Amino acid sequence: ARDVILILMVKYGIIRRELLIKAYEKSGDASIVVTAQVINSLLGLLARKALNGMEMKVEDDLTFETEFTEVARLHELYWEDKELALGVFVRLYEAEMEAALLW
C-alpha cells in the first residue's frame, strides 16, 4: 500500500483518501490486509492535507538527478517495475477518480 501511495503521489501530486480507501475495498483479498486504518496510517506518515486531498510531506530533491544520474536512472527503473506490479491498484484508484468526476 505504501508503494501504491508513492506511485500515485508522483503520478498525480495529490491523493484523495476516500477514493484510495474505496479502491482497496474493491481490490478483493488485498482489502483484508489494507484497511482504511492502514491507509490512514500510511497517509499520516507520508502526506499532509492539501486543498483537494493529500500531498507528499517531503519535496522532491531536484539536484539529486543531476548529481547522481546513474543512481537516479536505476531508481526510476525500480519504480517503473513497481508501477507495473501494482498496476491493478493504480487502475482501481483511477476508476474511483473517474467515478467521482461523474457526480
C-alpha atoms as a PDB file:
ATOM      1  CA  ALA A   1       0.000   0.000   0.000  1.00  0.00           C
ATOM      2  CA  ARG A   2       2.883   2.349   0.741  1.00  0.00           C
ATOM      3  CA  ASP A   3       4.297   1.886  -2.740  1.00  0.00           C
ATOM      4  CA  VAL A   4       0.881   2.455  -4.326  1.00  0.00           C
ATOM      5  CA  ILE A   5       0.572   5.721  -2.391  1.00  0.00           C
ATOM      6  CA  LEU A   6       4.038   6.811  -3.530  1.00  0.00           C
ATOM      7  CA  ILE A   7       3.292   5.902  -7.153  1.00  0.00           C
ATOM      8  CA  LEU A   8       0.020   7.836  -7.073  1.00  0.00           C
ATOM      9  CA  MET A   9       1.681  10.826  -5.402  1.00  0.00           C
ATOM     10  CA  VAL A  10       4.322  11.004  -8.125  1.00  0.00           C
ATOM     11  CA  LYS A  11       1.745  10.472 -10.870  1.00  0.00           C
ATOM     12  CA  TYR A  12      -0.953  12.895  -9.649  1.00  0.00           C
ATOM     13  CA  GLY A  13       0.626  15.055  -6.953  1.00  0.00           C
ATOM     14  CA  ILE A  14      -2.428  14.655  -4.728  1.00  0.00           C
ATOM     15  CA  ILE A  15      -4.323  11.627  -3.425  1.00  0.00           C
ATOM     16  CA  ARG A  16      -7.903  11.679  -2.265  1.00  0.00           C
ATOM     17  CA  ARG A  17      -8.030   9.487   0.822  1.00  0.00           C
ATOM     18  CA  GLU A  18     -11.633   8.362   0.370  1.00  0.00           C
ATOM     19  CA  LEU A  19     -11.010   7.267  -3.216  1.00  0.00           C
ATOM     20  CA  LEU A  20      -7.966   5.229  -2.219  1.00  0.00           C
ATOM     21  CA  ILE A  21      -9.967   3.516   0.520  1.00  0.00           C
ATOM     22  CA  LYS A  22     -12.766   2.699  -1.961  1.00  0.00           C
ATOM     23  CA  ALA A  23     -10.217   1.373  -4.458  1.00  0.00           C
ATOM     24  CA  TYR A  24      -8.749  -1.024  -1.898  1.00  0.00           C
ATOM     25  CA  GLU A  25     -12.216  -2.075  -0.740  1.00  0.00           C
ATOM     26  CA  LYS A  26     -12.849  -3.220  -4.328  1.00  0.00           C
ATOM     27  CA  SER A  27      -9.483  -4.984  -4.665  1.00  0.00           C
ATOM     28  CA  GLY A  28     -10.581  -8.354  -3.317  1.00  0.00           C
ATOM     29  CA  ASP A  29      -8.172 -10.139  -0.970  1.00  0.00           C
ATOM     30  CA  ALA A  30      -5.941  -7.084  -0.563  1.00  0.00           C
ATOM     31  CA  SER A  31      -8.784  -5.326   1.257  1.00  0.00           C
ATOM     32  CA  ILE A  32      -8.387  -7.794   4.132  1.00  0.00           C
ATOM     33  CA  VAL A  33      -4.868  -6.528   4.836  1.00  0.00           C
ATOM     34  CA  VAL A  34      -5.036  -2.961   3.514  1.00  0.00           C
ATOM     35  CA  THR A  35      -7.865  -1.484   5.530  1.00  0.00           C
ATOM     36  CA  ALA A  36      -8.929   2.141   5.911  1.00  0.00           C
ATOM     37  CA  GLN A  37      -6.877   2.211   9.123  1.00  0.00           C
ATOM     38  CA  VAL A  38      -3.725   1.101   7.275  1.00  0.00           C
ATOM     39  CA  ILE A  39      -4.283   3.679   4.529  1.00  0.00           C
ATOM     40  CA  ASN A  40      -4.904   6.431   7.074  1.00  0.00           C
ATOM     41  CA  SER A  41      -1.734   5.481   8.972  1.00  0.00           C
ATOM     42  CA  LEU A  42       0.395   5.488   5.817  1.00  0.00           C
ATOM     43  CA  LEU A  43      -1.033   8.797   4.622  1.00  0.00           C
ATOM     44  CA  GLY A  44      -0.360  10.234   8.075  1.00  0.00           C
ATOM     45  CA  LEU A  45       3.309   9.320   7.690  1.00  0.00           C
ATOM     46  CA  LEU A  46       3.788  10.243   4.034  1.00  0.00           C
ATOM     47  CA  ALA A  47       1.415  13.087   3.317  1.00  0.00           C
ATOM     48  CA  ARG A  48      -0.086  16.332   4.551  1.00  0.00           C
ATOM     49  CA  LYS A  49      -3.504  17.814   3.906  1.00  0.00           C
ATOM     50  CA  ALA A  50      -3.829  19.944   0.799  1.00  0.00           C
ATOM     51  CA  LEU A  51      -6.740  21.798  -0.720  1.00  0.00           C
ATOM     52  CA  ASN A  52      -8.092  18.837  -2.714  1.00  0.00           C
ATOM     53  CA  GLY A  53      -6.578  15.852  -0.907  1.00  0.00           C
ATOM     54  CA  MET A  54      -3.246  14.732   0.483  1.00  0.00           C
ATOM     55  CA  GLU A  55       0.174  15.713  -0.907  1.00  0.00           C
ATOM     56  CA  MET A  56       3.696  14.492  -0.148  1.00  0.00           C
ATOM     57  CA  LYS A  57       5.276  15.875   3.019  1.00  0.00           C
ATOM     58  CA  VAL A  58       8.771  15.821   1.528  1.00  0.00           C
ATOM     59  CA  GLU A  59       9.527  17.873  -1.563  1.00  0.00           C
ATOM     60  CA  ASP A  60      11.480  16.407  -4.483  1.00  0.00           C
ATOM     61  CA  ASP A  61      15.229  16.948  -4.415  1.00  0.00           C
ATOM     62  CA  LEU A  62      15.764  18.365  -7.881  1.00  0.00           C
ATOM     63  CA  THR A  63      19.556  18.312  -7.559  1.00  0.00           C
ATOM     64  CA  PHE A  64      19.766  14.556  -6.913  1.00  0.00           C
ATOM     65  CA  GLU A  65      19.128  13.533 -10.516  1.00  0.00           C
ATOM     66  CA  THR A  66      21.793  15.915 -11.794  1.00  0.00           C
ATOM     67  CA  GLU A  67      24.420  14.906  -9.258  1.00  0.00           C
ATOM     68  CA  PHE A  68      23.724  11.150  -9.290  1.00  0.00           C
ATOM     69  CA  THR A  69      22.485  10.423 -12.801  1.00  0.00           C
ATOM     70  CA  GLU A  70      23.106   6.660 -12.781  1.00  0.00           C
ATOM     71  CA  VAL A  71      21.550   6.116  -9.354  1.00  0.00           C
ATOM     72  CA  ALA A  72      18.564   8.248 -10.340  1.00  0.00           C
ATOM     73  CA  ARG A  73      18.059   6.181 -13.507  1.00  0.00           C
ATOM     74  CA  LEU A  74      18.194   2.907 -11.550  1.00  0.00           C
ATOM     75  CA  HIS A  75      15.723   4.370  -9.091  1.00  0.00           C
ATOM     76  CA  GLU A  76      13.411   5.334 -11.943  1.00  0.00           C
ATOM     77  CA  LEU A  77      13.590   1.806 -13.394  1.00  0.00           C
ATOM     78  CA  TYR A  78      12.801   0.344  -9.972  1.00  0.00           C
ATOM     79  CA  TRP A  79       9.642   2.455  -9.692  1.00  0.00           C
ATOM     80  CA  GLU A  80       8.598   1.656 -13.264  1.00  0.00           C
ATOM     81  CA  ASP A  81       8.712  -2.049 -12.323  1.00  0.00           C
ATOM     82  CA  LYS A  82       6.800  -1.328  -9.115  1.00  0.00           C
ATOM     83  CA  GLU A  83       4.088   0.513 -11.049  1.00  0.00           C
ATOM     84  CA  LEU A  84       3.703  -2.457 -13.398  1.00  0.00           C
ATOM     85  CA  ALA A  85       3.481  -4.878 -10.476  1.00  0.00           C
ATOM     86  CA  LEU A  86       0.962  -2.723  -8.593  1.00  0.00           C
ATOM     87  CA  GLY A  87      -0.924  -1.537 -11.659  1.00  0.00           C
ATOM     88  CA  VAL A  88      -4.185  -3.139 -10.595  1.00  0.00           C
ATOM     89  CA  PHE A  89      -4.347  -0.853  -7.556  1.00  0.00           C
ATOM     90  CA  VAL A  90      -3.428   2.211  -9.593  1.00  0.00           C
ATOM     91  CA  ARG A  91      -6.192   1.374 -12.090  1.00  0.00           C
ATOM     92  CA  LEU A  92      -8.719   0.834  -9.281  1.00  0.00           C
ATOM     93  CA  TYR A  93      -7.848   4.264  -7.882  1.00  0.00           C
ATOM     94  CA  GLU A  94      -8.118   5.840 -11.334  1.00  0.00           C
ATOM     95  CA  ALA A  95     -11.554   4.238 -11.788  1.00  0.00           C
ATOM     96  CA  GLU A  96     -12.626   5.803  -8.483  1.00  0.00           C
ATOM     97  CA  MET A  97     -11.296   9.162  -9.696  1.00  0.00           C
ATOM     98  CA  GLU A  98     -13.345   8.876 -12.880  1.00  0.00           C
ATOM     99  CA  ALA A  99     -16.463   7.848 -10.954  1.00  0.00           C
ATOM    100  CA  ALA A 100     -16.061  10.818  -8.614  1.00  0.00           C
ATOM    101  CA  LEU A 101     -15.922  13.184 -11.588  1.00  0.00           C
ATOM    102  CA  LEU A 102     -19.226  11.851 -12.898  1.00  0.00           C
ATOM    103  CA  TRP A 103     -21.136  13.008  -9.832  1.00  0.00           C
END
